[in-house]
Amino acid sequence: MYRLMRFVFRLDCDGRLDICIVLDASGSIRNERFPAVLELVVNVIDQFEVSPTKTRFAALKYSDDAVWLFDLDTYTSKQDVKTSIRRTTFIGGKTNTASALSMMVGSCKIVDGLVFKPSIMVLWPSIYSIKMYSYDHT
C-alpha cells in the first residue's frame, strides 16, 4: 500500500498557465506503483481550471526514450486531460531522464520571434533516477 501526499495549490493570478507533465514510466517506478503515480497526477490536474484561456496541459512519458502523450493544444477540458493521463501505459526499461528533459525543452515553439513554452514543468521521476543534468541555453 502506498500513500500519496496531498498537494495544496493557491493560484493568485488570472493569467494563462501552461504546464508540462513529465512522467517516469521506466522500470525504476515499477509496474505496480505506476497507477498510484497516475492518480497523483490526476489529483494535481483537479486543482486547475483547464481551458484554452486558463490552464493548458502537455504530457510526456519516458523510460529508455521519451514519448509525447499530448501537447498543450490537444485537450481543452479537464476531463479529457485526466482521461488521457489515466490511460497512460507503463513502459519499463531504463531511466533516461535526460531524454525527457531534452524533448520537453526542444518542444518550445517560436512564432513571430516570440518563444512559447510551458510555464511550469512537473517531473515525476523515480527517486533512484534523480541525477544532476545541465542544459546549455546557447
N, C-alpha and C. Protein backbone atom coordinates (compact mmCIF):
# COMPACT_ATOMS: atom_id res chain seq x y z
N MET A 1 0.83 -1.17 0.00
CA MET A 1 0.00 0.00 0.00
C MET A 1 0.89 1.25 0.00
N TYR A 2 0.55 2.19 -0.84
CA TYR A 2 1.34 3.40 -0.98
C TYR A 2 0.49 4.61 -0.64
N ARG A 3 1.08 5.52 0.09
CA ARG A 3 0.38 6.76 0.43
C ARG A 3 0.77 7.84 -0.56
N LEU A 4 -0.20 8.62 -0.95
CA LEU A 4 0.07 9.76 -1.80
C LEU A 4 -0.03 11.01 -0.96
N MET A 5 0.91 11.91 -1.17
CA MET A 5 0.86 13.18 -0.45
C MET A 5 -0.24 14.04 -1.04
N ARG A 6 -0.83 14.86 -0.21
CA ARG A 6 -1.83 15.81 -0.67
C ARG A 6 -1.11 17.12 -1.00
N PHE A 7 -1.45 17.68 -2.12
CA PHE A 7 -0.88 18.95 -2.53
C PHE A 7 -1.95 20.02 -2.44
N VAL A 8 -1.56 21.19 -1.97
CA VAL A 8 -2.46 22.32 -1.91
C VAL A 8 -1.88 23.42 -2.79
N PHE A 9 -2.67 23.89 -3.74
CA PHE A 9 -2.23 24.93 -4.64
C PHE A 9 -3.07 26.17 -4.42
N ARG A 10 -2.42 27.29 -4.43
CA ARG A 10 -3.13 28.56 -4.37
C ARG A 10 -2.70 29.36 -5.59
N LEU A 11 -3.65 29.62 -6.46
CA LEU A 11 -3.36 30.36 -7.67
C LEU A 11 -3.92 31.77 -7.53
N ASP A 12 -3.04 32.76 -7.48
CA ASP A 12 -3.46 34.14 -7.32
C ASP A 12 -3.51 34.91 -8.63
N CYS A 13 -3.04 34.34 -9.70
CA CYS A 13 -3.04 35.08 -10.96
C CYS A 13 -4.22 34.64 -11.82
N ASP A 14 -4.67 35.53 -12.68
CA ASP A 14 -5.76 35.21 -13.59
C ASP A 14 -5.26 34.91 -14.99
N GLY A 15 -3.95 34.84 -15.14
CA GLY A 15 -3.37 34.65 -16.46
C GLY A 15 -3.37 33.20 -16.91
N ARG A 16 -2.90 33.02 -18.11
CA ARG A 16 -2.80 31.69 -18.71
C ARG A 16 -1.62 30.94 -18.12
N LEU A 17 -1.79 29.66 -17.91
CA LEU A 17 -0.74 28.83 -17.34
C LEU A 17 -0.60 27.58 -18.21
N ASP A 18 0.61 27.31 -18.67
CA ASP A 18 0.91 26.12 -19.46
C ASP A 18 1.80 25.21 -18.63
N ILE A 19 1.35 23.97 -18.42
CA ILE A 19 2.06 23.02 -17.58
C ILE A 19 2.40 21.78 -18.39
N CYS A 20 3.66 21.36 -18.33
CA CYS A 20 4.09 20.13 -18.97
C CYS A 20 4.41 19.10 -17.90
N ILE A 21 3.74 17.97 -17.96
CA ILE A 21 3.94 16.88 -17.01
C ILE A 21 4.90 15.88 -17.66
N VAL A 22 5.96 15.54 -16.94
CA VAL A 22 6.96 14.59 -17.43
C VAL A 22 6.92 13.37 -16.51
N LEU A 23 6.43 12.25 -17.03
CA LEU A 23 6.20 11.04 -16.22
C LEU A 23 7.29 9.99 -16.44
N ASP A 24 7.87 9.52 -15.37
CA ASP A 24 8.81 8.41 -15.42
C ASP A 24 7.99 7.12 -15.51
N ALA A 25 8.11 6.44 -16.63
CA ALA A 25 7.41 5.17 -16.84
C ALA A 25 8.41 4.03 -16.98
N SER A 26 9.60 4.21 -16.39
CA SER A 26 10.67 3.22 -16.50
C SER A 26 10.53 2.14 -15.43
N GLY A 27 11.39 1.17 -15.53
CA GLY A 27 11.37 0.06 -14.58
C GLY A 27 11.65 0.46 -13.15
N SER A 28 12.29 1.60 -12.93
CA SER A 28 12.58 2.02 -11.56
C SER A 28 11.31 2.44 -10.81
N ILE A 29 10.26 2.79 -11.53
CA ILE A 29 8.97 3.10 -10.89
C ILE A 29 8.25 1.82 -10.49
N ARG A 30 8.38 0.81 -11.30
CA ARG A 30 7.74 -0.49 -11.14
C ARG A 30 6.27 -0.43 -11.56
N ASN A 31 5.88 -1.43 -12.25
CA ASN A 31 4.53 -1.52 -12.83
C ASN A 31 3.43 -1.40 -11.77
N GLU A 32 3.62 -2.02 -10.61
CA GLU A 32 2.58 -1.99 -9.58
C GLU A 32 2.42 -0.62 -8.93
N ARG A 33 3.43 0.23 -9.03
CA ARG A 33 3.34 1.59 -8.46
C ARG A 33 2.83 2.62 -9.46
N PHE A 34 2.89 2.31 -10.74
CA PHE A 34 2.57 3.28 -11.77
C PHE A 34 1.14 3.84 -11.67
N PRO A 35 0.12 3.03 -11.38
CA PRO A 35 -1.23 3.60 -11.23
C PRO A 35 -1.31 4.65 -10.12
N ALA A 36 -0.56 4.48 -9.04
CA ALA A 36 -0.56 5.47 -7.96
C ALA A 36 0.06 6.78 -8.44
N VAL A 37 1.09 6.71 -9.27
CA VAL A 37 1.71 7.90 -9.84
C VAL A 37 0.69 8.63 -10.72
N LEU A 38 -0.03 7.88 -11.55
CA LEU A 38 -1.02 8.49 -12.44
C LEU A 38 -2.14 9.17 -11.64
N GLU A 39 -2.58 8.55 -10.55
CA GLU A 39 -3.63 9.16 -9.73
C GLU A 39 -3.13 10.43 -9.04
N LEU A 40 -1.87 10.46 -8.66
CA LEU A 40 -1.30 11.67 -8.09
C LEU A 40 -1.34 12.80 -9.12
N VAL A 41 -0.99 12.49 -10.35
CA VAL A 41 -1.03 13.49 -11.43
C VAL A 41 -2.46 13.99 -11.64
N VAL A 42 -3.41 13.07 -11.67
CA VAL A 42 -4.82 13.44 -11.84
C VAL A 42 -5.27 14.36 -10.70
N ASN A 43 -4.85 14.07 -9.48
CA ASN A 43 -5.20 14.92 -8.33
C ASN A 43 -4.64 16.33 -8.48
N VAL A 44 -3.45 16.44 -9.03
CA VAL A 44 -2.87 17.76 -9.28
C VAL A 44 -3.67 18.49 -10.36
N ILE A 45 -4.00 17.80 -11.44
CA ILE A 45 -4.78 18.40 -12.53
C ILE A 45 -6.12 18.93 -12.00
N ASP A 46 -6.72 18.22 -11.06
CA ASP A 46 -8.00 18.63 -10.48
C ASP A 46 -7.95 20.01 -9.83
N GLN A 47 -6.76 20.48 -9.48
CA GLN A 47 -6.63 21.76 -8.80
C GLN A 47 -6.70 22.96 -9.74
N PHE A 48 -6.76 22.71 -11.04
CA PHE A 48 -6.70 23.78 -12.03
C PHE A 48 -7.96 23.86 -12.87
N GLU A 49 -8.22 25.05 -13.37
CA GLU A 49 -9.30 25.27 -14.33
C GLU A 49 -8.69 25.07 -15.72
N VAL A 50 -9.06 23.98 -16.37
CA VAL A 50 -8.48 23.64 -17.67
C VAL A 50 -9.35 24.24 -18.77
N SER A 51 -8.73 25.06 -19.60
CA SER A 51 -9.41 25.64 -20.76
C SER A 51 -8.34 26.31 -21.62
N PRO A 52 -8.66 26.63 -22.87
CA PRO A 52 -7.66 27.29 -23.73
C PRO A 52 -7.20 28.65 -23.21
N THR A 53 -8.01 29.29 -22.36
CA THR A 53 -7.65 30.62 -21.86
C THR A 53 -7.18 30.62 -20.41
N LYS A 54 -7.21 29.48 -19.76
CA LYS A 54 -6.75 29.39 -18.36
C LYS A 54 -5.52 28.49 -18.28
N THR A 55 -5.72 27.22 -17.94
CA THR A 55 -4.60 26.29 -17.80
C THR A 55 -4.65 25.24 -18.89
N ARG A 56 -3.52 25.07 -19.56
CA ARG A 56 -3.38 24.01 -20.57
C ARG A 56 -2.31 23.04 -20.09
N PHE A 57 -2.48 21.77 -20.43
CA PHE A 57 -1.53 20.74 -20.03
C PHE A 57 -0.94 20.06 -21.27
N ALA A 58 0.33 19.69 -21.14
CA ALA A 58 1.00 18.81 -22.09
C ALA A 58 1.61 17.70 -21.23
N ALA A 59 1.88 16.55 -21.83
CA ALA A 59 2.48 15.45 -21.06
C ALA A 59 3.35 14.58 -21.96
N LEU A 60 4.40 14.07 -21.34
CA LEU A 60 5.22 13.06 -22.00
C LEU A 60 5.64 12.04 -20.95
N LYS A 61 5.98 10.86 -21.44
CA LYS A 61 6.48 9.81 -20.54
C LYS A 61 7.81 9.34 -21.08
N TYR A 62 8.58 8.74 -20.19
CA TYR A 62 9.91 8.29 -20.61
C TYR A 62 10.34 7.04 -19.87
N SER A 63 11.21 6.33 -20.54
CA SER A 63 12.00 5.24 -19.96
C SER A 63 13.33 5.30 -20.71
N ASP A 64 13.59 4.35 -21.61
CA ASP A 64 14.80 4.43 -22.44
C ASP A 64 14.75 5.67 -23.33
N ASP A 65 13.58 5.97 -23.84
CA ASP A 65 13.34 7.13 -24.69
C ASP A 65 12.10 7.86 -24.21
N ALA A 66 11.94 9.08 -24.65
CA ALA A 66 10.76 9.87 -24.29
C ALA A 66 9.73 9.82 -25.41
N VAL A 67 8.45 9.87 -25.02
CA VAL A 67 7.34 9.82 -25.96
C VAL A 67 6.31 10.86 -25.54
N TRP A 68 5.88 11.70 -26.49
CA TRP A 68 4.83 12.66 -26.19
C TRP A 68 3.50 11.94 -26.02
N LEU A 69 2.75 12.30 -25.00
CA LEU A 69 1.39 11.80 -24.82
C LEU A 69 0.40 12.76 -25.46
N PHE A 70 0.58 14.05 -25.19
CA PHE A 70 -0.24 15.09 -25.82
C PHE A 70 0.43 16.44 -25.59
N ASP A 71 0.11 17.40 -26.47
CA ASP A 71 0.71 18.72 -26.32
C ASP A 71 -0.30 19.72 -25.77
N LEU A 72 0.12 20.96 -25.62
CA LEU A 72 -0.70 21.98 -24.96
C LEU A 72 -2.03 22.25 -25.66
N ASP A 73 -2.09 22.03 -26.94
CA ASP A 73 -3.32 22.32 -27.69
C ASP A 73 -4.22 21.11 -27.92
N THR A 74 -3.84 19.95 -27.40
CA THR A 74 -4.61 18.74 -27.67
C THR A 74 -5.96 18.72 -26.96
N TYR A 75 -6.00 19.03 -25.67
CA TYR A 75 -7.23 18.93 -24.89
C TYR A 75 -7.64 20.29 -24.34
N THR A 76 -8.94 20.53 -24.33
CA THR A 76 -9.46 21.80 -23.81
C THR A 76 -10.32 21.60 -22.57
N SER A 77 -10.48 20.36 -22.12
CA SER A 77 -11.27 20.13 -20.90
C SER A 77 -10.47 19.32 -19.88
N LYS A 78 -10.76 19.55 -18.63
CA LYS A 78 -10.09 18.83 -17.55
C LYS A 78 -10.32 17.33 -17.66
N GLN A 79 -11.55 16.94 -17.98
CA GLN A 79 -11.87 15.51 -18.07
C GLN A 79 -11.04 14.81 -19.15
N ASP A 80 -10.85 15.46 -20.29
CA ASP A 80 -10.05 14.86 -21.37
C ASP A 80 -8.58 14.70 -20.96
N VAL A 81 -8.05 15.71 -20.27
CA VAL A 81 -6.66 15.62 -19.80
C VAL A 81 -6.52 14.47 -18.80
N LYS A 82 -7.44 14.38 -17.84
CA LYS A 82 -7.39 13.32 -16.83
C LYS A 82 -7.55 11.94 -17.45
N THR A 83 -8.45 11.82 -18.42
CA THR A 83 -8.66 10.53 -19.09
C THR A 83 -7.39 10.09 -19.81
N SER A 84 -6.75 11.02 -20.49
CA SER A 84 -5.51 10.68 -21.20
C SER A 84 -4.41 10.23 -20.22
N ILE A 85 -4.28 10.93 -19.10
CA ILE A 85 -3.28 10.54 -18.10
C ILE A 85 -3.59 9.14 -17.57
N ARG A 86 -4.84 8.88 -17.23
CA ARG A 86 -5.21 7.57 -16.68
C ARG A 86 -4.98 6.43 -17.67
N ARG A 87 -5.02 6.72 -18.96
CA ARG A 87 -4.81 5.69 -19.99
C ARG A 87 -3.33 5.48 -20.32
N THR A 88 -2.46 6.23 -19.69
CA THR A 88 -1.03 6.12 -19.95
C THR A 88 -0.53 4.75 -19.50
N THR A 89 0.20 4.10 -20.35
CA THR A 89 0.69 2.75 -20.05
C THR A 89 2.12 2.79 -19.53
N PHE A 90 2.42 1.83 -18.71
CA PHE A 90 3.76 1.63 -18.16
C PHE A 90 4.66 1.10 -19.27
N ILE A 91 5.92 1.54 -19.30
CA ILE A 91 6.86 1.08 -20.32
C ILE A 91 7.86 0.07 -19.76
N GLY A 92 8.47 0.39 -18.62
CA GLY A 92 9.57 -0.42 -18.10
C GLY A 92 10.87 0.04 -18.76
N GLY A 93 11.91 -0.70 -18.58
CA GLY A 93 13.18 -0.34 -19.20
C GLY A 93 14.02 0.57 -18.32
N LYS A 94 15.02 1.17 -18.94
CA LYS A 94 15.95 2.04 -18.22
C LYS A 94 15.36 3.43 -18.02
N THR A 95 16.00 4.21 -17.15
CA THR A 95 15.52 5.55 -16.81
C THR A 95 16.39 6.60 -17.49
N ASN A 96 15.87 7.20 -18.55
CA ASN A 96 16.61 8.21 -19.29
C ASN A 96 15.93 9.57 -19.11
N THR A 97 16.11 10.16 -17.93
CA THR A 97 15.50 11.45 -17.60
C THR A 97 16.01 12.54 -18.54
N ALA A 98 17.27 12.48 -18.91
CA ALA A 98 17.84 13.50 -19.81
C ALA A 98 17.10 13.54 -21.14
N SER A 99 16.70 12.40 -21.66
CA SER A 99 15.96 12.35 -22.92
C SER A 99 14.62 13.08 -22.79
N ALA A 100 13.94 12.87 -21.67
CA ALA A 100 12.65 13.51 -21.44
C ALA A 100 12.80 15.02 -21.31
N LEU A 101 13.80 15.46 -20.55
CA LEU A 101 14.01 16.89 -20.37
C LEU A 101 14.41 17.56 -21.68
N SER A 102 15.23 16.88 -22.46
CA SER A 102 15.64 17.40 -23.76
C SER A 102 14.44 17.54 -24.69
N MET A 103 13.56 16.54 -24.70
CA MET A 103 12.37 16.59 -25.54
C MET A 103 11.46 17.75 -25.12
N MET A 104 11.29 17.93 -23.82
CA MET A 104 10.43 18.99 -23.33
C MET A 104 11.00 20.35 -23.70
N VAL A 105 12.29 20.56 -23.47
CA VAL A 105 12.92 21.85 -23.80
C VAL A 105 12.88 22.08 -25.31
N GLY A 106 13.06 21.02 -26.07
CA GLY A 106 13.03 21.14 -27.53
C GLY A 106 11.66 21.39 -28.10
N SER A 107 10.63 21.32 -27.28
CA SER A 107 9.26 21.50 -27.77
C SER A 107 8.85 22.96 -27.84
N CYS A 108 9.71 23.85 -27.38
CA CYS A 108 9.38 25.28 -27.43
C CYS A 108 9.13 25.69 -28.87
N LYS A 109 8.09 26.49 -29.07
CA LYS A 109 7.73 26.94 -30.41
C LYS A 109 8.06 28.42 -30.54
N ILE A 110 8.54 28.79 -31.71
CA ILE A 110 8.83 30.20 -31.98
C ILE A 110 7.85 30.69 -33.04
N VAL A 111 7.06 31.71 -32.69
CA VAL A 111 6.08 32.29 -33.60
C VAL A 111 6.31 33.80 -33.60
N ASP A 112 6.56 34.35 -34.78
CA ASP A 112 6.82 35.80 -34.91
C ASP A 112 7.88 36.29 -33.93
N GLY A 113 8.92 35.50 -33.73
CA GLY A 113 10.02 35.90 -32.87
C GLY A 113 9.78 35.71 -31.39
N LEU A 114 8.59 35.25 -31.00
CA LEU A 114 8.29 35.01 -29.59
C LEU A 114 8.41 33.54 -29.28
N VAL A 115 8.98 33.22 -28.12
CA VAL A 115 9.14 31.82 -27.71
C VAL A 115 7.96 31.42 -26.83
N PHE A 116 7.25 30.36 -27.24
CA PHE A 116 6.15 29.83 -26.46
C PHE A 116 6.59 28.51 -25.85
N LYS A 117 6.55 28.43 -24.54
CA LYS A 117 6.99 27.22 -23.85
C LYS A 117 6.13 27.04 -22.60
N PRO A 118 6.13 25.86 -22.03
CA PRO A 118 5.36 25.67 -20.80
C PRO A 118 5.84 26.60 -19.70
N SER A 119 4.89 27.12 -18.92
CA SER A 119 5.22 27.98 -17.78
C SER A 119 5.84 27.16 -16.65
N ILE A 120 5.35 25.93 -16.52
CA ILE A 120 5.78 25.05 -15.43
C ILE A 120 6.01 23.65 -16.01
N MET A 121 7.09 23.02 -15.57
CA MET A 121 7.32 21.62 -15.89
C MET A 121 7.25 20.85 -14.59
N VAL A 122 6.45 19.79 -14.56
CA VAL A 122 6.33 18.94 -13.38
C VAL A 122 6.94 17.60 -13.72
N LEU A 123 8.00 17.23 -13.01
CA LEU A 123 8.73 15.99 -13.27
C LEU A 123 8.43 14.99 -12.17
N TRP A 124 7.92 13.81 -12.55
CA TRP A 124 7.68 12.74 -11.60
C TRP A 124 8.68 11.61 -11.85
N PRO A 125 9.92 11.76 -11.34
CA PRO A 125 10.91 10.70 -11.55
C PRO A 125 10.88 9.69 -10.40
N SER A 126 11.50 8.59 -10.66
CA SER A 126 11.80 7.66 -9.58
C SER A 126 12.86 8.31 -8.71
N ILE A 127 12.83 8.06 -7.44
CA ILE A 127 13.83 8.62 -6.53
C ILE A 127 15.23 8.15 -6.92
N TYR A 128 15.31 7.00 -7.56
CA TYR A 128 16.61 6.45 -7.94
C TYR A 128 17.15 7.05 -9.23
N SER A 129 16.32 7.80 -9.95
CA SER A 129 16.76 8.31 -11.26
C SER A 129 17.20 9.75 -11.22
N ILE A 130 17.14 10.39 -10.07
CA ILE A 130 17.49 11.80 -10.00
C ILE A 130 19.00 11.97 -10.05
N LYS A 131 19.46 12.68 -11.06
CA LYS A 131 20.87 12.98 -11.24
C LYS A 131 20.97 14.45 -11.60
N MET A 132 22.13 14.99 -11.56
CA MET A 132 22.33 16.38 -11.92
C MET A 132 22.55 16.48 -13.43
N TYR A 133 21.71 17.25 -14.10
CA TYR A 133 21.84 17.49 -15.52
C TYR A 133 21.93 18.99 -15.73
N SER A 134 22.75 19.40 -16.65
CA SER A 134 22.79 20.82 -17.01
C SER A 134 22.35 20.96 -18.45
N TYR A 135 21.75 22.10 -18.75
CA TYR A 135 21.29 22.35 -20.09
C TYR A 135 21.90 23.65 -20.57
N ASP A 136 22.60 23.62 -21.68
CA ASP A 136 23.22 24.81 -22.25
C ASP A 136 22.19 25.56 -23.08
N HIS A 137 21.82 26.76 -22.63
CA HIS A 137 20.78 27.54 -23.29
C HIS A 137 21.28 28.29 -24.52
N THR A 138 22.56 28.18 -24.86
CA THR A 138 23.09 28.91 -26.01
C THR A 138 22.86 28.18 -27.30
